[in-house]
């Protein structure tokens, strides 16, 4: 292991920004998964080219590098690899349970309430025609039920982490160069993983791995570069200008009239799109956003300890459980809106109610874990 990285990890404490960003990302993903909901106009994807999934993937790589990098330093690479694969198994088990229950719930609701359009909308048509084949491909991560794609992606990225982190701890620039090369090769040669019954993964892991690897690189080796970049005011101005341009283009893209103006100006190539293969301009937008965020919110930013942010932090700490319950809540919210009064008030109630339930689940799981680690009562 690089001696400078070892020294850095030894003194590295918990970064509260990880929980903050994962918490907000979970909320935004939940809101984004509810169609025709005015509240999701407030999520990150409406203000530029990148969105909550970008934040989630980058932060996941950042957090994993710190946790498992310390483990490799203290307990060996073999132990680190086994702990990562244990985590992959936990994620896969969560996905399988979520997939089976999710598909069953959608099927029952669509049949009982005669809302058969839900089969097509949530990509579960095969469960009616070919239930065994659909379940089999689901176990192989090849099914494409709506809103489970982010968890599929994370399982693939974590499975890819042991060799990537091994190289990152020894030859960080080579690891990053390899990730960039794979990203451009996958885009050029159209590499992806197949899905059932047709097509490929919604989030192409060969492309999205770039954000994950960038997260690991910045966690282990990017602190000096970040400090240098923060001392360049012109770079911040350029980042803010790019973010402003992305905001204007994204907002214009929601309007047919403004969208036609952008086409007339020849700006179609930089319109947001192609989320599956993570366009380069989307990566640049996220990096600009990360630069501004890290400058405005340093690790020792005092508001990170404010009680008002505790619900967000708790959701970030228990991100997997919160994500899973959010998938069901987004479906329930969508069903309520298409079968009941789809008014603005109802949309707000559904959105706020879902976030409150997600927060309650996070608090309960956190409390439950503390009870498991409390010393038992002594009996005499």
Protein backbone atom coordinates (compact mmCIF):
# COMPACT_ATOMS: atom_id res chain seq x y z
CA UNK A 1 0.00 0.00 0.00
CA UNK A 2 1.17 3.53 -0.77
CA UNK A 3 2.71 4.94 2.49
CA UNK A 4 1.02 8.31 2.05
CA UNK A 5 -2.37 6.61 1.63
CA UNK A 6 -1.72 4.48 4.70
CA UNK A 7 -0.90 7.55 6.77
CA UNK A 8 -3.97 9.35 5.45
CA UNK A 9 -6.31 6.45 6.25
CA UNK A 10 -4.89 6.10 9.76
CA UNK A 11 -5.98 9.61 10.68
CA UNK A 12 -9.15 9.64 8.58
CA UNK A 13 -12.37 9.91 10.62
CA UNK A 14 -15.98 9.55 9.60
CA UNK A 15 -17.09 12.06 6.99
CA UNK A 16 -20.61 13.23 7.82
CA UNK A 17 -21.04 14.51 4.27
CA UNK A 18 -21.34 10.88 3.14
CA UNK A 19 -24.47 10.34 5.24
CA UNK A 20 -25.86 13.74 4.24
CA UNK A 21 -25.52 13.07 0.52
CA UNK A 22 -26.76 9.48 0.70
CA UNK A 23 -29.76 10.62 2.72
CA UNK A 24 -30.74 13.33 0.23
CA UNK A 25 -30.03 10.98 -2.70
CA UNK A 26 -32.44 8.41 -1.25
CA UNK A 27 -35.15 11.04 -0.84
CA UNK A 28 -34.62 12.33 -4.37
CA UNK A 29 -34.65 8.83 -5.88
CA UNK A 30 -37.94 8.10 -4.12
CA UNK A 31 -39.48 11.32 -5.44
CA UNK A 32 -38.12 10.80 -8.94
CA UNK A 33 -39.77 7.37 -9.03
CA UNK A 34 -43.26 8.86 -8.66
CA UNK A 35 -44.47 9.92 -12.13
CA UNK A 36 -46.45 13.13 -12.58
CA UNK A 37 -45.59 14.38 -9.11
CA UNK A 38 -44.99 18.12 -8.86
CA UNK A 39 -42.75 17.64 -5.80
CA UNK A 40 -40.10 15.81 -7.81
CA UNK A 41 -39.54 19.03 -9.76
CA UNK A 42 -37.40 19.98 -6.74
CA UNK A 43 -34.96 17.08 -7.14
CA UNK A 44 -31.44 17.40 -8.47
CA UNK A 45 -32.13 16.08 -11.98
CA UNK A 46 -34.24 19.15 -12.77
CA UNK A 47 -31.33 21.54 -12.20
CA UNK A 48 -28.68 20.13 -14.49
CA UNK A 49 -27.41 17.12 -16.40
CA UNK A 50 -26.69 14.85 -13.39
CA UNK A 51 -29.05 13.58 -10.72
CA UNK A 52 -29.42 11.67 -7.47
CA UNK A 53 -28.10 8.41 -8.94
CA UNK A 54 -24.83 10.11 -9.90
CA UNK A 55 -24.42 11.36 -6.33
CA UNK A 56 -25.28 7.95 -4.92
CA UNK A 57 -22.77 6.06 -7.10
CA UNK A 58 -19.89 8.50 -6.49
CA UNK A 59 -20.49 8.63 -2.73
CA UNK A 60 -20.78 4.84 -2.62
CA UNK A 61 -17.32 4.53 -4.14
CA UNK A 62 -15.99 7.23 -1.81
CA UNK A 63 -17.36 5.54 1.32
CA UNK A 64 -16.35 2.02 0.22
CA UNK A 65 -12.76 3.12 -0.42
CA UNK A 66 -12.41 4.50 3.11
CA UNK A 67 -14.09 1.56 4.86
CA UNK A 68 -12.42 -1.25 2.94
CA UNK A 69 -9.15 0.61 2.43
CA UNK A 70 -8.76 0.78 6.22
CA UNK A 71 -9.66 -2.90 6.43
CA UNK A 72 -6.99 -3.81 3.88
CA UNK A 73 -4.45 -1.75 5.82
CA UNK A 74 -5.32 -3.25 9.22
CA UNK A 75 -6.36 -6.83 8.35
CA UNK A 76 -4.97 -7.71 4.87
CA UNK A 77 -6.36 -7.65 1.36
CA UNK A 78 -7.82 -11.16 1.67
CA UNK A 79 -9.96 -10.15 4.63
CA UNK A 80 -11.02 -7.00 2.79
CA UNK A 81 -12.07 -9.01 -0.27
CA UNK A 82 -14.10 -11.49 1.80
CA UNK A 83 -15.90 -8.64 3.60
CA UNK A 84 -16.72 -6.98 0.27
CA UNK A 85 -18.15 -10.20 -1.14
CA UNK A 86 -20.15 -10.65 2.06
CA UNK A 87 -21.61 -7.21 1.45
CA UNK A 88 -22.31 -8.12 -2.19
CA UNK A 89 -24.21 -11.17 -0.97
CA UNK A 90 -26.23 -9.02 1.45
CA UNK A 91 -27.09 -6.60 -1.36
CA UNK A 92 -28.03 -9.48 -3.67
CA UNK A 93 -30.23 -11.06 -1.00
CA UNK A 94 -31.96 -7.72 -0.46
CA UNK A 95 -32.46 -7.40 -4.21
CA UNK A 96 -33.96 -10.89 -4.56
CA UNK A 97 -36.43 -10.35 -1.71
CA UNK A 98 -37.30 -6.92 -3.05
CA UNK A 99 -37.68 -8.21 -6.62
CA UNK A 100 -39.97 -11.12 -5.73
CA UNK A 101 -42.23 -9.13 -3.41
CA UNK A 102 -42.23 -6.08 -5.68
CA UNK A 103 -43.24 -7.98 -8.80
CA UNK A 104 -45.89 -9.91 -6.88
CA UNK A 105 -47.37 -6.75 -5.38
CA UNK A 106 -47.52 -5.00 -8.76
CA UNK A 107 -49.12 -8.04 -10.36
CA UNK A 108 -51.76 -8.38 -7.65
CA UNK A 109 -52.58 -4.66 -7.59
CA UNK A 110 -52.79 -4.42 -11.37
CA UNK A 111 -55.11 -7.45 -11.54
CA UNK A 112 -57.31 -6.58 -8.57
CA UNK A 113 -57.86 -2.95 -9.55
CA UNK A 114 -57.95 -3.53 -13.34
CA UNK A 115 -54.97 -1.23 -13.88
CA UNK A 116 -53.22 -3.55 -16.34
CA UNK A 117 -51.18 -0.67 -17.75
CA UNK A 118 -48.99 -1.06 -14.65
CA UNK A 119 -47.56 -4.27 -16.14
CA UNK A 120 -46.01 -2.35 -19.04
CA UNK A 121 -45.17 0.74 -17.01
CA UNK A 122 -43.17 -1.25 -14.44
CA UNK A 123 -41.67 -3.70 -16.98
CA UNK A 124 -43.22 -6.79 -15.38
CA UNK A 125 -45.35 -8.00 -18.28
CA UNK A 126 -43.36 -11.24 -18.38
CA UNK A 127 -44.58 -12.24 -14.93
CA UNK A 128 -47.99 -12.95 -16.48
CA UNK A 129 -46.86 -14.75 -19.65
CA UNK A 130 -43.66 -16.41 -18.42
CA UNK A 131 -43.51 -16.23 -14.61
CA UNK A 132 -40.81 -18.89 -14.15
CA UNK A 133 -38.53 -17.45 -16.83
CA UNK A 134 -39.06 -13.93 -15.49
CA UNK A 135 -38.16 -14.98 -11.94
CA UNK A 136 -35.12 -16.91 -13.19
CA UNK A 137 -33.82 -13.92 -15.13
CA UNK A 138 -34.59 -11.73 -12.15
CA UNK A 139 -32.32 -13.89 -9.99
CA UNK A 140 -29.62 -13.42 -12.65
CA UNK A 141 -30.06 -9.61 -12.48
CA UNK A 142 -31.34 -9.62 -16.05
CA UNK A 143 -34.93 -8.55 -15.43
CA UNK A 144 -35.77 -4.85 -15.70
CA UNK A 145 -38.54 -4.06 -13.22
CA UNK A 146 -38.82 -0.31 -12.96
CA UNK A 147 -36.92 1.36 -10.11
CA UNK A 148 -34.74 -1.63 -9.15
CA UNK A 149 -32.02 -0.75 -11.66
CA UNK A 150 -29.98 1.36 -9.23
CA UNK A 151 -29.66 -1.57 -6.81
CA UNK A 152 -28.65 -3.88 -9.69
CA UNK A 153 -25.95 -1.40 -10.64
CA UNK A 154 -24.64 -1.14 -7.09
CA UNK A 155 -24.36 -4.94 -6.77
CA UNK A 156 -22.27 -5.04 -9.97
CA UNK A 157 -20.04 -2.19 -8.83
CA UNK A 158 -19.40 -3.73 -5.43
CA UNK A 159 -18.55 -7.09 -7.05
CA UNK A 160 -16.01 -5.21 -9.19
CA UNK A 161 -14.51 -3.41 -6.15
CA UNK A 162 -11.88 -5.90 -4.81
CA UNK A 163 -9.56 -5.85 -7.85
CA UNK A 164 -10.26 -2.16 -8.47
CA UNK A 165 -9.43 -1.23 -4.87
CA UNK A 166 -6.36 -3.46 -4.83
CA UNK A 167 -4.99 -1.57 -7.82
CA UNK A 168 -6.19 1.79 -6.49
CA UNK A 169 -4.20 1.31 -3.26
CA UNK A 170 -1.02 0.54 -5.22
CA UNK A 171 -1.24 2.27 -8.62
CA UNK A 172 -4.03 4.84 -8.27
CA UNK A 173 -3.41 6.71 -11.50
CA UNK A 174 -3.24 3.44 -13.46
CA UNK A 175 -6.54 2.34 -11.89
CA UNK A 176 -8.19 5.63 -12.80
CA UNK A 177 -6.78 5.51 -16.35
CA UNK A 178 -8.11 1.98 -16.76
CA UNK A 179 -11.55 3.08 -15.59
CA UNK A 180 -11.58 5.99 -18.06
CA UNK A 181 -10.45 3.68 -20.89
CA UNK A 182 -13.21 1.17 -20.06
CA UNK A 183 -15.77 3.99 -19.99
CA UNK A 184 -14.90 5.27 -23.48
CA UNK A 185 -14.52 1.74 -24.89
CA UNK A 186 -17.96 0.75 -23.58
CA UNK A 187 -19.51 3.85 -25.16
CA UNK A 188 -17.70 3.34 -28.47
CA UNK A 189 -18.28 -0.42 -28.83
CA UNK A 190 -21.71 -0.37 -27.14
CA UNK A 191 -20.70 -2.80 -24.38
CA UNK A 192 -23.31 -3.51 -21.74
CA UNK A 193 -25.00 -6.39 -19.91
CA UNK A 194 -28.08 -8.06 -21.43
CA UNK A 195 -31.50 -7.85 -19.83
CA UNK A 196 -34.68 -9.91 -20.20
CA UNK A 197 -36.64 -10.12 -22.45
CA UNK A 198 -34.77 -7.62 -24.65
CA UNK A 199 -32.30 -4.77 -24.45
CA UNK A 200 -29.60 -4.11 -21.88
CA UNK A 201 -29.25 -2.76 -18.34
CA UNK A 202 -30.75 0.67 -17.78
CA UNK A 203 -27.55 1.79 -16.03
CA UNK A 204 -24.67 0.42 -18.12
CA UNK A 205 -22.17 -0.75 -15.45
CA UNK A 206 -19.23 -0.46 -17.86
CA UNK A 207 -19.93 3.27 -18.09
CA UNK A 208 -21.25 4.04 -14.60
CA UNK A 209 -18.20 2.41 -13.00
CA UNK A 210 -16.36 5.63 -13.86
CA UNK A 211 -18.20 7.64 -11.20
CA UNK A 212 -17.70 4.82 -8.68
CA UNK A 213 -13.95 4.66 -9.37
CA UNK A 214 -13.68 8.45 -9.28
CA UNK A 215 -15.24 8.27 -5.82
CA UNK A 216 -12.61 5.77 -4.64
CA UNK A 217 -9.79 7.82 -6.18
CA UNK A 218 -10.85 11.07 -4.55
CA UNK A 219 -11.37 9.32 -1.20
CA UNK A 220 -7.84 7.87 -1.15
CA UNK A 221 -5.73 10.21 -3.27
CA UNK A 222 -7.71 13.32 -4.13
CA UNK A 223 -7.41 15.37 -0.93
CA UNK A 224 -4.31 17.24 -2.09
CA UNK A 225 -5.76 17.86 -5.55
CA UNK A 226 -9.05 19.03 -4.05
CA UNK A 227 -7.23 21.46 -1.76
CA UNK A 228 -5.32 22.83 -4.74
CA UNK A 229 -8.47 23.21 -6.84
CA UNK A 230 -10.18 25.09 -4.02
CA UNK A 231 -7.46 27.72 -4.21
CA UNK A 232 -8.29 28.47 -7.86
CA UNK A 233 -11.16 31.00 -7.93
CA UNK A 234 -11.25 31.04 -11.75
CA UNK A 235 -11.94 27.30 -11.74
CA UNK A 236 -14.87 27.79 -9.37
CA UNK A 237 -16.21 30.54 -11.63
CA UNK A 238 -15.92 28.21 -14.63
CA UNK A 239 -17.69 25.44 -12.69
CA UNK A 240 -20.50 27.79 -11.68
CA UNK A 241 -20.84 29.01 -15.25
CA UNK A 242 -21.12 25.44 -16.52
CA UNK A 243 -23.69 24.61 -13.84
CA UNK A 244 -25.66 27.70 -14.86
CA UNK A 245 -25.56 26.68 -18.53
CA UNK A 246 -26.69 23.14 -17.63
CA UNK A 247 -29.52 24.57 -15.55
CA UNK A 248 -30.71 26.77 -18.41
CA UNK A 249 -30.57 23.91 -20.92
CA UNK A 250 -32.32 21.47 -18.57
CA UNK A 251 -35.12 23.91 -17.78
CA UNK A 252 -35.50 24.75 -21.46
CA UNK A 253 -35.70 21.05 -22.27
CA UNK A 254 -38.94 20.80 -20.27
CA UNK A 255 -40.60 23.32 -22.60
CA UNK A 256 -41.33 22.37 -26.25
CA UNK A 257 -41.05 26.01 -27.34
CA UNK A 258 -37.71 26.59 -25.61
CA UNK A 259 -36.50 23.15 -26.73
CA UNK A 260 -37.07 24.10 -30.37
CA UNK A 261 -35.06 27.29 -29.81
CA UNK A 262 -32.15 25.22 -28.48
CA UNK A 263 -32.38 23.00 -31.56
CA UNK A 264 -32.28 26.04 -33.82
CA UNK A 265 -29.15 27.21 -32.00
CA UNK A 266 -27.49 23.86 -32.60
CA UNK A 267 -27.40 22.88 -28.91
CA UNK A 268 -28.97 19.44 -29.36
CA UNK A 269 -25.65 17.63 -28.77
CA UNK A 270 -25.47 18.96 -25.21
CA UNK A 271 -29.08 18.35 -24.30
CA UNK A 272 -29.34 15.96 -21.33
CA UNK A 273 -30.04 12.40 -22.39
CA UNK A 274 -28.49 8.95 -22.85
CA UNK A 275 -28.57 8.32 -19.10
CA UNK A 276 -27.89 4.64 -19.72
CA UNK A 277 -24.32 5.26 -20.93
CA UNK A 278 -23.46 8.26 -18.72
CA UNK A 279 -22.61 10.99 -21.28
CA UNK A 280 -19.28 12.84 -20.78
CA UNK A 281 -21.08 16.16 -20.30
CA UNK A 282 -23.02 14.57 -17.46
CA UNK A 283 -19.75 13.50 -15.81
CA UNK A 284 -18.35 17.01 -16.20
CA UNK A 285 -21.52 18.45 -14.70
CA UNK A 286 -21.25 16.16 -11.69
CA UNK A 287 -17.57 17.01 -11.16
CA UNK A 288 -18.39 20.74 -11.34
CA UNK A 289 -21.15 20.19 -8.80
CA UNK A 290 -18.79 18.20 -6.56
CA UNK A 291 -16.16 20.94 -6.73
CA UNK A 292 -18.60 23.63 -5.65
CA UNK A 293 -20.15 21.42 -2.96
CA UNK A 294 -16.80 20.39 -1.44
CA UNK A 295 -15.75 24.06 -1.34
CA UNK A 296 -18.96 25.25 0.33
CA UNK A 297 -19.34 22.23 2.62
CA UNK A 298 -15.96 21.15 4.05
CA UNK A 299 -15.64 18.09 6.29
CA UNK A 300 -15.69 20.22 9.44
CA UNK A 301 -18.74 22.28 8.39
CA UNK A 302 -20.54 22.93 11.68
CA UNK A 303 -24.15 22.63 10.37
CA UNK A 304 -23.46 18.94 9.67
CA UNK A 305 -24.01 18.33 13.40
CA UNK A 306 -27.28 20.28 13.57
CA UNK A 307 -30.28 18.31 14.80
CA UNK A 308 -32.40 19.54 11.90
CA UNK A 309 -30.26 17.45 9.53
CA UNK A 310 -30.47 14.34 11.70
CA UNK A 311 -33.37 12.76 9.68
CA UNK A 312 -31.32 13.08 6.49
CA UNK A 313 -28.21 11.71 8.18
CA UNK A 314 -30.12 8.77 9.59
CA UNK A 315 -31.47 7.95 6.13
CA UNK A 316 -27.91 8.02 4.82
CA UNK A 317 -26.65 5.72 7.55
CA UNK A 318 -29.36 3.14 6.84
CA UNK A 319 -29.39 3.74 3.10
CA UNK A 320 -30.10 0.16 1.94
CA UNK A 321 -33.24 -0.32 4.04
CA UNK A 322 -34.42 3.19 3.21
CA UNK A 323 -33.86 2.61 -0.51
CA UNK A 324 -35.81 -0.68 -0.45
CA UNK A 325 -38.79 0.77 1.40
CA UNK A 326 -38.64 3.78 -0.93
CA UNK A 327 -39.15 1.52 -3.95
CA UNK A 328 -42.41 0.20 -2.51
CA UNK A 329 -43.50 3.64 -1.35
CA UNK A 330 -42.94 5.16 -4.80
CA UNK A 331 -45.18 2.48 -6.33
CA UNK A 332 -47.81 3.01 -3.62
CA UNK A 333 -47.65 6.76 -4.16
CA UNK A 334 -48.04 6.40 -7.92
CA UNK A 335 -50.99 4.03 -7.44
CA UNK A 336 -52.71 6.47 -5.08
CA UNK A 337 -52.29 9.29 -7.59
CA UNK A 338 -53.64 7.35 -10.58
CA UNK A 339 -56.62 5.90 -8.70
CA UNK A 340 -57.51 8.91 -6.56
CA UNK A 341 -57.55 12.69 -6.82
CA UNK A 342 -54.26 13.67 -8.47
CA UNK A 343 -54.27 17.19 -7.08
CA UNK A 344 -51.26 19.22 -6.00
CA UNK A 345 -52.22 18.77 -2.36
CA UNK A 346 -52.41 15.00 -2.82
CA UNK A 347 -49.02 14.96 -4.53
CA UNK A 348 -47.48 16.86 -1.63
CA UNK A 349 -49.12 14.55 0.92
CA UNK A 350 -47.91 11.43 -0.91
CA UNK A 351 -44.36 12.79 -1.22
CA UNK A 352 -44.04 14.07 2.34
CA UNK A 353 -45.75 10.99 3.75
CA UNK A 354 -43.33 8.70 1.92
CA UNK A 355 -40.29 10.59 3.20
CA UNK A 356 -41.66 10.45 6.75
CA UNK A 357 -42.12 6.68 6.50
CA UNK A 358 -38.59 6.27 5.10
CA UNK A 359 -37.23 8.37 7.95
CA UNK A 360 -39.18 6.38 10.52
CA UNK A 361 -37.78 3.14 9.13
CA UNK A 362 -34.25 4.55 9.32
CA UNK A 363 -34.68 5.59 12.95
CA UNK A 364 -36.18 2.22 13.89
CA UNK A 365 -33.37 0.22 12.27
CA UNK A 366 -30.75 2.45 13.89
CA UNK A 367 -32.43 1.99 17.29
CA UNK A 368 -32.70 -1.77 16.75
CA UNK A 369 -28.99 -2.07 15.95
CA UNK A 370 -28.10 -0.20 19.14
CA UNK A 371 -30.19 -2.65 21.16
CA UNK A 372 -28.30 -5.58 19.63
CA UNK A 373 -25.00 -4.11 20.83
CA UNK A 374 -26.09 -3.19 24.34
CA UNK A 375 -24.58 -5.35 27.11
CA UNK A 376 -27.02 -7.91 28.44
CA UNK A 377 -28.51 -7.76 31.89
CA UNK A 378 -26.62 -9.60 34.57
CA UNK A 379 -28.57 -12.24 36.49
CA UNK A 380 -27.50 -13.28 39.91
